């Protein structure tokens, strides 16, 4: 059985080999007593040694390999030989098996106690490898997904249901047993969703199965469970947590609750809907732990950021953010509010629903059932002496006209519209019935946005566009502009669940009103407005922003085409701006 090469302290080893000085070691040991961190981490934090140099040094001295986990292909069966709690405790991960010997990556290969415990737990000879601690912690969240645990708990809950699901549901509703299978199952579902960075959880009953789907980077990933009867118990428990009517199954209901998952505070927005085989539940997960995003953290192009920030700092006028559902409009508006939120500024919001709770801001939840519509809240807000008003959505003529008049009378009004681009948004207000002169007098600018997926840094590779894609690219560019021969694509790996993508980034289109556009608005001339918009100083189409990301290797051409207009529309807009593909 393999043993660590030397039972020697890392500090002494580094001094003996003149990697650090004796004085540096003493300083690090003193700092370690204060911080409680391992000596290696302390030396790295103090800048005495680089992490890669330290790990390569340990690899050479101990005669063990240095493994970079981000490029490693894991075997799920091998990984699961070491239970998750021990993997996290000893900062270790099973990587490979050869001739009955396990290769185990450790963040601290000189941890003799950890080594002995791993031998005892695994009951096999082990060979050590050294790995980066930061990579190890990220990898643990990827390899120890809760899918098997969820399936096991679903089976346990199905067994407990026996012949009559209704009786268990009644028991679950009144009992406080936190060890009940339904509670443990929900806990595992939420933990798995947080580990996978899911934004939504869908629980959908079918004829013979229950589907749990998670929206990760805008795309749903599915887990199917054959225990179809568990759906009623899951829905019941979620309704109880949300304070909903558990006896009402014939109409949709909305609610929310807060949970703590893996040390994070998660706000859950829940919606139920009666469907053919029971009730479907969709939950939006809002992580409150990191606080509100600022405008600087949204990743806007510099020019767009500067012009948008100037617009939202004006004392009066209207600024619109447009895009489809799930395009990040609310996040952008909250980022603007976080900058405007000062003691001397009165801010009132009308939202449906209130997604993030903000200090110092008066937030109103719209409730159509009792007549509390956007227009009602907006009209009442004007009597509350506000400086800034946020309207969740411009849904009708009354709301639009009140908002425009408020913008004319000394208030800054922020709102959203469901339109495809910034150019169509201004005319949409007139289509809703707002007077053209009101729009022209109040509208400062329109920000259109989408979210596109970012390529996984671990599996990026060069990609040559097909002939059809080159034709599409040429249709977006001016004639004669060179199209690069290579872009970037993701091949798929363990880090990104074989999708090729990890994370999302916003693409933006800023349209700022100028005299030509305002004149066209006053005359209610869509064609003149569109022509003036294309010639405006700061305007560039969404697809140009996305294309720039593709040229930088941040996203793929597939994502550019997904958010682009049709070929005909792209050709119609090809004369906008100087789209350089070189």
Protein backbone atom coordinates (compact mmCIF):
# COMPACT_ATOMS: atom_id res chain seq x y z
CA UNK A 1 0.00 0.00 0.00
CA UNK A 2 1.37 3.39 -1.03
CA UNK A 3 2.48 5.76 1.72
CA UNK A 4 3.22 9.48 1.63
CA UNK A 5 6.88 9.99 0.72
CA UNK A 6 7.86 11.90 3.86
CA UNK A 7 6.21 12.81 7.08
CA UNK A 8 7.72 16.26 7.02
CA UNK A 9 6.17 19.67 7.47
CA UNK A 10 5.66 21.62 4.25
CA UNK A 11 7.29 24.73 5.69
CA UNK A 12 10.53 22.89 6.51
CA UNK A 13 10.52 21.29 3.06
CA UNK A 14 10.17 24.68 1.34
CA UNK A 15 12.94 26.26 3.45
CA UNK A 16 15.30 23.31 2.86
CA UNK A 17 14.88 23.71 -0.88
CA UNK A 18 15.22 27.53 -0.67
CA UNK A 19 11.76 28.15 -2.11
CA UNK A 20 11.06 30.50 0.81
CA UNK A 21 13.29 31.97 3.52
CA UNK A 22 13.24 31.17 7.22
CA UNK A 23 11.90 34.68 7.94
CA UNK A 24 9.07 34.20 5.45
CA UNK A 25 8.17 30.87 7.07
CA UNK A 26 8.03 32.46 10.54
CA UNK A 27 5.84 35.31 9.22
CA UNK A 28 3.53 32.79 7.55
CA UNK A 29 3.30 30.65 10.71
CA UNK A 30 2.38 33.73 12.73
CA UNK A 31 -0.29 34.67 10.19
CA UNK A 32 -1.55 31.08 10.15
CA UNK A 33 -2.22 31.17 13.90
CA UNK A 34 -4.44 34.21 13.35
CA UNK A 35 -6.30 33.02 10.24
CA UNK A 36 -6.51 29.30 11.00
CA UNK A 37 -5.82 28.48 7.34
CA UNK A 38 -3.39 25.83 6.11
CA UNK A 39 0.22 26.93 5.77
CA UNK A 40 0.29 26.42 2.00
CA UNK A 41 -2.71 28.72 1.52
CA UNK A 42 -1.19 31.27 3.87
CA UNK A 43 2.08 31.32 1.90
CA UNK A 44 0.14 31.84 -1.33
CA UNK A 45 -1.99 34.62 0.21
CA UNK A 46 1.14 36.43 1.43
CA UNK A 47 2.65 36.21 -2.05
CA UNK A 48 5.70 34.21 -0.94
CA UNK A 49 5.00 31.43 -3.41
CA UNK A 50 2.81 31.00 -6.51
CA UNK A 51 0.11 28.28 -6.26
CA UNK A 52 1.22 26.46 -9.43
CA UNK A 53 4.86 26.60 -8.36
CA UNK A 54 3.96 25.25 -4.92
CA UNK A 55 1.91 22.37 -6.34
CA UNK A 56 4.58 21.49 -8.92
CA UNK A 57 7.19 21.57 -6.14
CA UNK A 58 5.11 19.20 -3.98
CA UNK A 59 4.57 16.94 -6.98
CA UNK A 60 8.33 16.65 -7.59
CA UNK A 61 9.31 16.29 -3.93
CA UNK A 62 6.69 13.67 -3.10
CA UNK A 63 6.93 11.84 -6.41
CA UNK A 64 3.22 12.16 -7.15
CA UNK A 65 1.40 13.61 -10.20
CA UNK A 66 -0.07 17.11 -10.35
CA UNK A 67 -3.54 16.76 -11.92
CA UNK A 68 -5.51 19.69 -13.36
CA UNK A 69 -9.13 18.80 -12.64
CA UNK A 70 -10.65 21.22 -15.15
CA UNK A 71 -9.38 18.99 -17.98
CA UNK A 72 -10.15 15.67 -16.30
CA UNK A 73 -12.81 13.19 -17.42
CA UNK A 74 -14.39 11.67 -14.31
CA UNK A 75 -15.86 8.22 -13.82
CA UNK A 76 -19.02 8.63 -11.74
CA UNK A 77 -18.79 5.12 -10.29
CA UNK A 78 -15.23 5.72 -9.08
CA UNK A 79 -16.01 9.17 -7.68
CA UNK A 80 -18.93 7.81 -5.66
CA UNK A 81 -16.66 5.30 -3.90
CA UNK A 82 -15.75 8.16 -1.58
CA UNK A 83 -18.86 9.59 0.12
CA UNK A 84 -19.37 13.33 -0.42
CA UNK A 85 -19.00 14.29 3.25
CA UNK A 86 -15.55 12.66 3.41
CA UNK A 87 -14.54 14.15 0.06
CA UNK A 88 -15.32 17.64 1.34
CA UNK A 89 -13.81 17.03 4.78
CA UNK A 90 -10.45 15.75 3.47
CA UNK A 91 -10.46 17.83 0.26
CA UNK A 92 -10.07 14.65 -1.79
CA UNK A 93 -11.50 13.09 -4.95
CA UNK A 94 -11.13 9.60 -6.49
CA UNK A 95 -9.75 10.07 -10.01
CA UNK A 96 -8.76 6.67 -11.41
CA UNK A 97 -8.29 2.98 -10.64
CA UNK A 98 -5.52 0.74 -11.97
CA UNK A 99 -4.89 -2.84 -10.87
CA UNK A 100 -6.96 -2.38 -7.72
CA UNK A 101 -5.16 0.83 -6.70
CA UNK A 102 -7.08 4.12 -6.54
CA UNK A 103 -5.61 7.43 -7.65
CA UNK A 104 -6.91 10.06 -5.20
CA UNK A 105 -6.44 13.78 -5.79
CA UNK A 106 -5.80 15.76 -2.59
CA UNK A 107 -5.50 19.50 -2.06
CA UNK A 108 -3.05 18.77 0.79
CA UNK A 109 -1.13 15.54 0.02
CA UNK A 110 0.91 16.00 3.21
CA UNK A 111 -2.18 15.58 5.40
CA UNK A 112 -1.16 12.28 6.98
CA UNK A 113 -4.33 11.96 9.06
CA UNK A 114 -6.48 12.56 5.97
CA UNK A 115 -4.47 9.97 4.02
CA UNK A 116 -4.92 7.31 6.71
CA UNK A 117 -8.66 8.01 6.94
CA UNK A 118 -9.06 7.74 3.16
CA UNK A 119 -7.31 4.34 3.20
CA UNK A 120 -9.67 3.20 5.95
CA UNK A 121 -12.81 4.49 4.20
CA UNK A 122 -11.97 3.28 0.69
CA UNK A 123 -10.61 -0.10 1.84
CA UNK A 124 -8.21 -0.16 -1.13
CA UNK A 125 -4.60 0.80 -1.73
CA UNK A 126 -4.43 4.43 -2.79
CA UNK A 127 -1.95 6.54 -4.70
CA UNK A 128 -1.96 10.29 -4.18
CA UNK A 129 -2.09 13.15 -6.67
CA UNK A 130 -1.94 16.85 -5.86
CA UNK A 131 -4.72 19.14 -7.15
CA UNK A 132 -5.64 22.81 -6.85
CA UNK A 133 -7.99 23.38 -3.92
CA UNK A 134 -10.12 25.91 -5.82
CA UNK A 135 -10.58 23.47 -8.73
CA UNK A 136 -11.35 20.66 -6.30
CA UNK A 137 -14.11 22.58 -4.51
CA UNK A 138 -15.76 23.54 -7.82
CA UNK A 139 -15.48 19.97 -9.09
CA UNK A 140 -17.10 18.51 -5.97
CA UNK A 141 -20.27 20.48 -6.76
CA UNK A 142 -20.28 19.03 -10.28
CA UNK A 143 -19.59 15.37 -9.53
CA UNK A 144 -21.71 15.02 -6.40
CA UNK A 145 -25.03 15.95 -8.01
CA UNK A 146 -28.19 14.93 -6.13
CA UNK A 147 -29.80 12.92 -8.96
CA UNK A 148 -29.26 9.49 -7.38
CA UNK A 149 -30.31 10.78 -3.96
CA UNK A 150 -33.46 12.33 -5.47
CA UNK A 151 -34.36 9.02 -7.15
CA UNK A 152 -33.80 7.09 -3.91
CA UNK A 153 -35.91 9.50 -1.85
CA UNK A 154 -38.65 9.41 -4.50
CA UNK A 155 -38.77 5.61 -4.17
CA UNK A 156 -38.86 5.94 -0.37
CA UNK A 157 -41.72 8.41 -0.56
CA UNK A 158 -43.60 6.19 -3.03
CA UNK A 159 -43.27 3.23 -0.62
CA UNK A 160 -44.58 5.33 2.28
CA UNK A 161 -47.57 6.45 0.24
CA UNK A 162 -48.82 2.87 0.29
CA UNK A 163 -52.19 2.44 -1.36
CA UNK A 164 -53.61 5.84 -0.57
CA UNK A 165 -51.69 9.01 -1.39
CA UNK A 166 -54.35 11.21 0.16
CA UNK A 167 -53.76 9.89 3.65
CA UNK A 168 -50.05 10.63 3.51
CA UNK A 169 -50.74 14.08 2.10
CA UNK A 170 -52.97 14.83 5.08
CA UNK A 171 -50.31 13.50 7.42
CA UNK A 172 -47.62 15.59 5.73
CA UNK A 173 -49.75 18.71 5.99
CA UNK A 174 -50.14 18.45 9.75
CA UNK A 175 -46.89 16.86 10.85
CA UNK A 176 -43.66 18.70 11.67
CA UNK A 177 -41.38 15.71 11.03
CA UNK A 178 -38.43 17.22 9.20
CA UNK A 179 -37.17 13.71 8.45
CA UNK A 180 -40.27 12.87 6.38
CA UNK A 181 -39.29 11.59 2.92
CA UNK A 182 -41.15 14.42 1.18
CA UNK A 183 -39.13 17.01 3.13
CA UNK A 184 -35.82 15.26 2.43
CA UNK A 185 -36.75 14.91 -1.24
CA UNK A 186 -37.51 18.62 -1.60
CA UNK A 187 -34.31 19.49 0.23
CA UNK A 188 -32.31 17.36 -2.21
CA UNK A 189 -34.10 18.91 -5.20
CA UNK A 190 -33.24 22.43 -4.02
CA UNK A 191 -29.63 21.52 -3.15
CA UNK A 192 -29.14 19.96 -6.58
CA UNK A 193 -30.63 23.03 -8.29
CA UNK A 194 -28.34 25.41 -6.37
CA UNK A 195 -25.25 23.29 -7.13
CA UNK A 196 -26.18 23.24 -10.83
CA UNK A 197 -26.81 27.04 -10.90
CA UNK A 198 -30.43 26.49 -11.98
CA UNK A 199 -32.71 29.53 -12.29
CA UNK A 200 -35.98 27.57 -12.33
CA UNK A 201 -37.32 24.20 -11.17
CA UNK A 202 -40.27 22.58 -12.99
CA UNK A 203 -42.21 19.72 -11.37
CA UNK A 204 -44.53 18.23 -13.98
CA UNK A 205 -46.85 15.21 -13.57
CA UNK A 206 -47.32 12.97 -16.61
CA UNK A 207 -49.43 9.89 -17.18
CA UNK A 208 -46.90 7.44 -15.72
CA UNK A 209 -43.96 9.57 -14.48
CA UNK A 210 -43.06 12.81 -12.75
CA UNK A 211 -40.57 15.06 -14.53
CA UNK A 212 -38.26 17.39 -12.60
CA UNK A 213 -36.64 19.85 -14.98
CA UNK A 214 -34.08 22.53 -14.16
CA UNK A 215 -33.40 25.57 -16.32
CA UNK A 216 -29.63 25.98 -16.44
CA UNK A 217 -28.18 28.79 -18.56
CA UNK A 218 -31.59 29.22 -20.16
CA UNK A 219 -31.95 25.55 -21.24
CA UNK A 220 -34.03 22.90 -19.45
CA UNK A 221 -32.37 19.69 -18.22
CA UNK A 222 -34.65 16.79 -17.30
CA UNK A 223 -34.75 14.13 -14.58
CA UNK A 224 -37.57 11.58 -14.88
CA UNK A 225 -38.97 9.64 -11.91
CA UNK A 226 -41.34 6.72 -12.36
CA UNK A 227 -42.96 7.29 -8.93
CA UNK A 228 -45.85 9.33 -10.33
CA UNK A 229 -47.86 9.43 -7.07
CA UNK A 230 -45.25 11.54 -5.28
CA UNK A 231 -46.37 14.62 -7.22
CA UNK A 232 -49.39 15.26 -4.97
CA UNK A 233 -47.27 15.13 -1.80
CA UNK A 234 -44.61 17.43 -3.29
CA UNK A 235 -47.19 19.99 -4.43
CA UNK A 236 -48.94 19.89 -1.06
CA UNK A 237 -45.74 20.53 0.89
CA UNK A 238 -44.75 23.38 -1.45
CA UNK A 239 -48.20 24.95 -1.08
CA UNK A 240 -47.85 24.81 2.69
CA UNK A 241 -44.43 26.46 2.50
CA UNK A 242 -45.91 29.20 0.27
CA UNK A 243 -49.02 29.79 2.40
CA UNK A 244 -51.36 28.75 -0.42
CA UNK A 245 -54.79 27.10 -0.21
CA UNK A 246 -54.01 23.36 -0.11
CA UNK A 247 -57.63 22.35 -0.76
CA UNK A 248 -57.86 24.33 -4.03
CA UNK A 249 -56.59 22.31 -6.98
CA UNK A 250 -58.79 23.68 -9.76
CA UNK A 251 -57.24 27.12 -10.30
CA UNK A 252 -53.66 28.43 -10.59
CA UNK A 253 -52.05 29.89 -7.47
CA UNK A 254 -48.95 32.01 -6.88
CA UNK A 255 -46.84 32.26 -3.75
CA UNK A 256 -43.32 32.63 -2.43
CA UNK A 257 -41.11 31.49 0.43
CA UNK A 258 -37.49 31.74 1.53
CA UNK A 259 -35.17 28.82 2.21
CA UNK A 260 -31.51 28.38 3.12
CA UNK A 261 -29.64 25.97 0.87
CA UNK A 262 -25.93 25.21 1.30
CA UNK A 263 -25.49 28.41 3.32
CA UNK A 264 -27.27 30.58 0.72
CA UNK A 265 -30.52 32.48 1.18
CA UNK A 266 -32.83 31.59 -1.72
CA UNK A 267 -36.10 33.37 -2.43
CA UNK A 268 -38.47 30.97 -4.20
CA UNK A 269 -41.28 32.32 -6.36
CA UNK A 270 -43.82 29.55 -6.91
CA UNK A 271 -46.61 29.10 -9.45
CA UNK A 272 -49.04 26.17 -9.59
CA UNK A 273 -51.29 25.20 -12.48
CA UNK A 274 -53.90 22.43 -12.78
CA UNK A 275 -52.97 20.08 -15.66
CA UNK A 276 -54.28 16.80 -17.03
CA UNK A 277 -52.54 14.53 -14.51
CA UNK A 278 -52.50 16.72 -11.39
CA UNK A 279 -50.84 20.06 -10.63
CA UNK A 280 -47.71 21.42 -12.28
CA UNK A 281 -45.35 23.60 -10.23
CA UNK A 282 -42.73 26.04 -11.51
CA UNK A 283 -40.35 27.72 -9.06
CA UNK A 284 -38.08 30.67 -9.85
CA UNK A 285 -34.98 30.68 -7.63
CA UNK A 286 -33.63 34.10 -6.64
CA UNK A 287 -30.33 34.03 -4.77
CA UNK A 288 -30.39 36.85 -2.20
CA UNK A 289 -26.99 36.00 -0.66
CA UNK A 290 -24.79 38.11 -2.90
CA UNK A 291 -27.07 41.14 -2.78
CA UNK A 292 -28.13 43.25 -5.75
CA UNK A 293 -26.15 43.38 -8.96
CA UNK A 294 -24.74 46.77 -9.91
CA UNK A 295 -24.69 48.16 -13.44
CA UNK A 296 -20.94 47.59 -13.57
CA UNK A 297 -21.41 43.86 -12.94
CA UNK A 298 -23.87 43.36 -15.83
CA UNK A 299 -21.19 43.24 -18.51
CA UNK A 300 -22.61 45.97 -20.76
CA UNK A 301 -20.35 47.31 -23.52
CA UNK A 302 -18.63 50.49 -22.35
CA UNK A 303 -20.51 52.85 -24.69
CA UNK A 304 -23.92 51.37 -23.82
CA UNK A 305 -23.12 51.52 -20.11
CA UNK A 306 -22.08 55.18 -20.27
CA UNK A 307 -25.16 56.32 -22.23
CA UNK A 308 -27.59 54.23 -20.13
CA UNK A 309 -26.08 55.56 -16.90
CA UNK A 310 -26.42 59.15 -18.15
CA UNK A 311 -30.07 58.51 -19.08
CA UNK A 312 -31.08 57.04 -15.70
CA UNK A 313 -29.35 59.88 -13.86
CA UNK A 314 -31.57 62.51 -15.54
CA UNK A 315 -34.04 64.27 -13.21
CA UNK A 316 -37.02 63.45 -15.41
CA UNK A 317 -38.01 61.50 -18.50
CA UNK A 318 -38.72 57.85 -19.35
CA UNK A 319 -36.21 55.05 -19.95
CA UNK A 320 -37.44 51.70 -21.26
CA UNK A 321 -35.78 48.28 -21.10
CA UNK A 322 -37.17 45.77 -23.60
CA UNK A 323 -36.80 42.11 -24.43
CA UNK A 324 -38.63 38.79 -24.10
CA UNK A 325 -39.36 37.04 -20.81
CA UNK A 326 -36.15 35.86 -19.15
CA UNK A 327 -33.87 38.32 -20.93
CA UNK A 328 -32.67 40.03 -17.73
CA UNK A 329 -34.77 43.23 -17.95
CA UNK A 330 -35.63 43.25 -14.25
CA UNK A 331 -31.99 42.65 -13.28
CA UNK A 332 -30.91 45.65 -15.37
CA UNK A 333 -33.56 47.89 -13.80
CA UNK A 334 -32.60 46.77 -10.29
CA UNK A 335 -28.98 47.54 -11.16
CA UNK A 336 -30.07 51.08 -12.09
CA UNK A 337 -32.09 51.40 -8.88
CA UNK A 338 -29.10 50.30 -6.79
CA UNK A 339 -27.19 53.35 -8.11
CA UNK A 340 -30.14 55.72 -7.66
CA UNK A 341 -30.97 54.44 -4.17
CA UNK A 342 -29.75 57.28 -1.95
CA UNK A 343 -31.20 58.88 1.19
CA UNK A 344 -32.17 62.02 -0.73
CA UNK A 345 -34.02 60.11 -3.50
CA UNK A 346 -37.57 58.78 -3.05
CA UNK A 347 -38.11 55.66 -5.18
CA UNK A 348 -41.44 53.84 -5.61
CA UNK A 349 -41.86 50.63 -7.62
CA UNK A 350 -44.96 48.84 -8.92
CA UNK A 351 -44.02 45.22 -9.62
CA UNK A 352 -45.64 41.91 -10.48
CA UNK A 353 -44.12 40.19 -8.62
CA UNK A 354 -41.61 41.91 -6.31
CA UNK A 355 -38.51 39.83 -7.09
CA UNK A 356 -35.88 41.41 -4.85
CA UNK A 357 -36.55 43.28 -1.63
CA UNK A 358 -34.59 46.51 -1.57
CA UNK A 359 -33.92 48.71 1.48
CA UNK A 360 -35.20 52.31 1.46
CA UNK A 361 -37.31 51.69 -1.67
CA UNK A 362 -41.10 51.62 -1.48
CA UNK A 363 -42.07 48.47 -3.36
CA UNK A 364 -45.70 47.71 -4.22
CA UNK A 365 -46.94 44.28 -5.29
CA UNK A 366 -49.56 44.58 -8.03
CA UNK A 367 -52.72 42.58 -7.25
CA UNK A 368 -55.31 42.62 -10.07
CA UNK A 369 -57.72 40.49 -7.97
CA UNK A 370 -58.40 43.46 -5.71
CA UNK A 371 -58.11 46.10 -8.41
CA UNK A 372 -54.51 47.05 -7.65
CA UNK A 373 -53.31 47.37 -11.23
CA UNK A 374 -50.15 49.07 -12.49
CA UNK A 375 -52.14 52.17 -13.42
CA UNK A 376 -53.72 52.30 -9.96
CA UNK A 377 -50.37 52.05 -8.18
CA UNK A 378 -48.82 54.57 -10.56
CA UNK A 379 -51.60 57.11 -10.00
CA UNK A 380 -51.31 56.73 -6.21
CA UNK A 381 -47.50 56.91 -6.38
CA UNK A 382 -47.63 60.38 -7.90
CA UNK A 383 -49.27 61.58 -4.67
CA UNK A 384 -46.41 60.09 -2.61
CA UNK A 385 -43.86 62.71 -3.73
CA UNK A 386 -41.49 60.32 -5.60
CA UNK A 387 -38.33 61.24 -7.50
CA UNK A 388 -38.06 57.92 -9.35
CA UNK A 389 -40.85 55.54 -10.33
CA UNK A 390 -40.32 52.00 -11.62
CA UNK A 391 -43.25 50.38 -13.42
CA UNK A 392 -42.83 46.63 -13.79
CA UNK A 393 -44.37 46.59 -17.26
CA UNK A 394 -46.22 48.90 -19.64
CA UNK A 395 -49.25 46.69 -20.24
CA UNK A 396 -51.99 49.04 -21.40
CA UNK A 397 -52.79 52.53 -22.67
CA UNK A 398 -53.73 53.92 -19.27
CA UNK A 399 -50.46 52.84 -17.65
CA UNK A 400 -48.42 54.15 -20.60
CA UNK A 401 -50.10 57.57 -20.62
CA UNK A 402 -49.85 58.06 -16.84
CA UNK A 403 -46.18 57.03 -16.96
CA UNK A 404 -45.44 59.40 -19.85
CA UNK A 405 -47.20 62.29 -18.14
CA UNK A 406 -45.27 61.56 -14.92
CA UNK A 407 -42.04 61.69 -16.93
CA UNK A 408 -43.10 65.11 -18.30
CA UNK A 409 -43.85 66.52 -14.87
CA UNK A 410 -40.49 66.06 -13.17
CA UNK A 411 -40.20 62.33 -12.45
CA UNK A 412 -37.75 59.76 -13.76
CA UNK A 413 -39.81 56.77 -14.93
CA UNK A 414 -38.23 53.36 -15.59
CA UNK A 415 -40.22 50.54 -17.14
CA UNK A 416 -40.16 47.47 -19.39
CA UNK A 417 -41.83 46.50 -22.65
CA UNK A 418 -42.10 43.12 -24.38
CA UNK A 419 -40.75 44.05 -27.81
CA UNK A 420 -38.08 42.49 -30.02
CA UNK A 421 -35.77 45.48 -30.34
CA UNK A 422 -35.32 49.09 -29.29
CA UNK A 423 -36.53 50.60 -32.57
CA UNK A 424 -40.01 49.05 -32.34
CA UNK A 425 -40.46 50.02 -28.68
CA UNK A 426 -41.13 53.73 -29.17
CA UNK A 427 -43.73 53.04 -31.86
CA UNK A 428 -45.24 50.34 -29.64
CA UNK A 429 -46.23 53.03 -27.13
CA UNK A 430 -48.16 54.89 -29.83
CA UNK A 431 -49.71 51.60 -30.97
CA UNK A 432 -50.96 51.11 -27.40
CA UNK A 433 -52.84 54.40 -27.72
CA UNK A 434 -50.40 56.88 -26.15
CA UNK A 435 -50.37 60.26 -27.87
CA UNK A 436 -47.30 60.69 -30.14
CA UNK A 437 -46.50 64.09 -28.63
CA UNK A 438 -46.41 62.52 -25.14
CA UNK A 439 -43.93 59.87 -26.29
CA UNK A 440 -41.77 62.47 -28.06
CA UNK A 441 -41.77 64.77 -25.02
CA UNK A 442 -40.93 62.08 -22.45
CA UNK A 443 -38.89 59.23 -23.91
CA UNK A 444 -35.14 59.53 -23.28
CA UNK A 445 -33.91 56.16 -24.55
CA UNK A 446 -34.60 52.46 -24.99
CA UNK A 447 -32.33 49.57 -24.02
CA UNK A 448 -33.05 46.23 -25.73
CA UNK A 449 -31.33 43.14 -24.37
CA UNK A 450 -31.03 39.36 -24.57
CA UNK A 451 -29.12 36.72 -22.64
CA UNK A 452 -26.85 34.39 -24.61
CA UNK A 453 -24.86 31.43 -23.38
CA UNK A 454 -21.11 31.72 -22.81
CA UNK A 455 -18.79 29.03 -24.10
CA UNK A 456 -17.28 26.71 -21.52
CA UNK A 457 -13.66 27.79 -20.98
CA UNK A 458 -12.66 24.18 -20.41
CA UNK A 459 -13.68 22.78 -23.83
CA UNK A 460 -13.39 25.74 -26.21
CA UNK A 461 -11.97 24.89 -29.59
CA UNK A 462 -11.56 26.58 -32.98
CA UNK A 463 -14.57 26.38 -35.28
CA UNK A 464 -14.82 27.03 -39.01
CA UNK A 465 -18.22 28.39 -40.15
CA UNK A 466 -20.13 26.36 -42.72
CA UNK A 467 -20.91 27.84 -46.13
CA UNK A 468 -24.47 28.58 -45.04
CA UNK A 469 -23.24 30.33 -41.91
CA UNK A 470 -20.82 32.42 -43.98
CA UNK A 471 -23.73 33.55 -46.16
CA UNK A 472 -25.64 34.51 -43.01
CA UNK A 473 -22.63 36.39 -41.68
CA UNK A 474 -22.28 38.29 -44.93
CA UNK A 475 -25.95 39.25 -44.74
CA UNK A 476 -25.26 40.90 -41.36
CA UNK A 477 -22.20 42.74 -42.62
CA UNK A 478 -21.51 45.37 -45.20
CA UNK A 479 -20.62 43.95 -48.60
CA UNK A 480 -16.90 43.41 -49.08
CA UNK A 481 -16.10 43.10 -45.34
CA UNK A 482 -13.82 40.16 -44.58
CA UNK A 483 -15.34 37.32 -42.55
CA UNK A 484 -12.81 35.59 -40.26
CA UNK A 485 -12.10 32.00 -41.19
CA UNK A 486 -12.39 30.72 -37.62
CA UNK A 487 -14.61 31.34 -34.63
CA UNK A 488 -14.90 29.28 -31.42
CA UNK A 489 -17.21 26.51 -30.31
CA UNK A 490 -17.61 24.26 -27.25
CA UNK A 491 -17.11 20.51 -27.69
CA UNK A 492 -18.77 19.60 -24.37
CA UNK A 493 -17.08 18.28 -21.22
CA UNK A 494 -17.74 17.28 -17.62
CA UNK A 495 -17.50 20.87 -16.43
CA UNK A 496 -20.44 22.00 -18.62
CA UNK A 497 -22.50 18.77 -18.55
CA UNK A 498 -21.48 18.17 -22.19
CA UNK A 499 -23.39 21.24 -23.42
CA UNK A 500 -20.37 23.30 -24.49
CA UNK A 501 -21.72 26.29 -22.54
CA UNK A 502 -21.35 27.52 -18.98
CA UNK A 503 -22.94 30.74 -17.76
CA UNK A 504 -24.67 33.54 -19.68
CA UNK A 505 -23.88 37.10 -20.72
CA UNK A 506 -26.11 39.96 -21.85
CA UNK A 507 -26.15 41.48 -25.33
CA UNK A 508 -27.45 45.03 -25.56
CA UNK A 509 -28.83 47.55 -28.06
CA UNK A 510 -29.10 51.21 -26.99
CA UNK A 511 -31.32 53.70 -28.81
CA UNK A 512 -31.09 57.30 -27.62
CA UNK A 513 -33.66 59.80 -28.81
CA UNK A 514 -32.44 62.64 -31.05
CA UNK A 515 -34.26 65.44 -32.88
CA UNK A 516 -34.83 63.44 -36.07
CA UNK A 517 -36.44 60.56 -34.16
CA UNK A 518 -38.52 62.89 -31.99
CA UNK A 519 -39.85 64.70 -35.07
CA UNK A 520 -40.81 61.34 -36.60
CA UNK A 521 -42.56 60.38 -33.37
CA UNK A 522 -44.55 63.63 -33.30
CA UNK A 523 -45.69 62.94 -36.88
CA UNK A 524 -46.40 59.32 -35.91
CA UNK A 525 -44.33 58.07 -38.86
CA UNK A 526 -42.86 54.60 -38.23
CA UNK A 527 -40.82 54.55 -41.44
CA UNK A 528 -39.19 57.92 -40.75
CA UNK A 529 -38.53 56.92 -37.14
CA UNK A 530 -36.86 53.66 -38.22
CA UNK A 531 -34.71 55.44 -40.80
CA UNK A 532 -33.66 58.07 -38.25
CA UNK A 533 -32.90 55.39 -35.63
CA UNK A 534 -30.53 53.58 -38.00
CA UNK A 535 -28.59 56.79 -38.54
CA UNK A 536 -28.42 57.73 -34.86
CA UNK A 537 -25.02 58.11 -33.25
CA UNK A 538 -25.08 55.43 -30.54
CA UNK A 539 -27.26 52.76 -32.13
CA UNK A 540 -25.96 49.33 -33.11
CA UNK A 541 -28.12 46.20 -33.49
CA UNK A 542 -28.26 43.37 -30.96
CA UNK A 543 -26.66 40.95 -33.41
CA UNK A 544 -23.62 43.20 -33.73
CA UNK A 545 -23.05 43.06 -29.96
CA UNK A 546 -23.45 39.26 -30.04
CA UNK A 547 -21.14 38.98 -33.04
CA UNK A 548 -18.43 40.90 -31.18
CA UNK A 549 -18.67 38.34 -28.36
CA UNK A 550 -18.34 35.53 -30.92
CA UNK A 551 -15.25 37.17 -32.42
CA UNK A 552 -13.72 37.35 -28.92
CA UNK A 553 -14.44 33.66 -28.30
CA UNK A 554 -16.98 34.40 -25.55
CA UNK A 555 -19.92 32.78 -27.34
CA UNK A 556 -20.63 30.68 -30.44
CA UNK A 557 -22.09 31.56 -33.83
CA UNK A 558 -25.11 29.40 -32.95
CA UNK A 559 -25.93 31.80 -30.13
CA UNK A 560 -25.47 34.81 -32.44
CA UNK A 561 -27.89 33.35 -34.97
CA UNK A 562 -30.35 32.41 -32.24
CA UNK A 563 -30.86 36.01 -31.16
CA UNK A 564 -30.52 37.52 -34.63
CA UNK A 565 -33.37 38.59 -36.83
CA UNK A 566 -34.43 36.53 -39.86
CA UNK A 567 -32.22 36.59 -42.94
CA UNK A 568 -34.49 39.04 -44.68
CA UNK A 569 -34.53 41.36 -41.69
CA UNK A 570 -30.78 41.06 -41.28
CA UNK A 571 -30.38 42.08 -44.90
CA UNK A 572 -32.74 44.98 -44.31
CA UNK A 573 -30.59 46.15 -41.37
CA UNK A 574 -27.20 45.50 -42.95
CA UNK A 575 -26.57 49.18 -43.52
CA UNK A 576 -26.69 49.92 -39.78
CA UNK A 577 -23.30 50.81 -38.37
CA UNK A 578 -19.91 49.50 -39.46
CA UNK A 579 -20.04 45.78 -38.62
CA UNK A 580 -16.41 44.84 -38.89
CA UNK A 581 -15.84 41.08 -39.06
CA UNK A 582 -12.15 41.33 -39.66
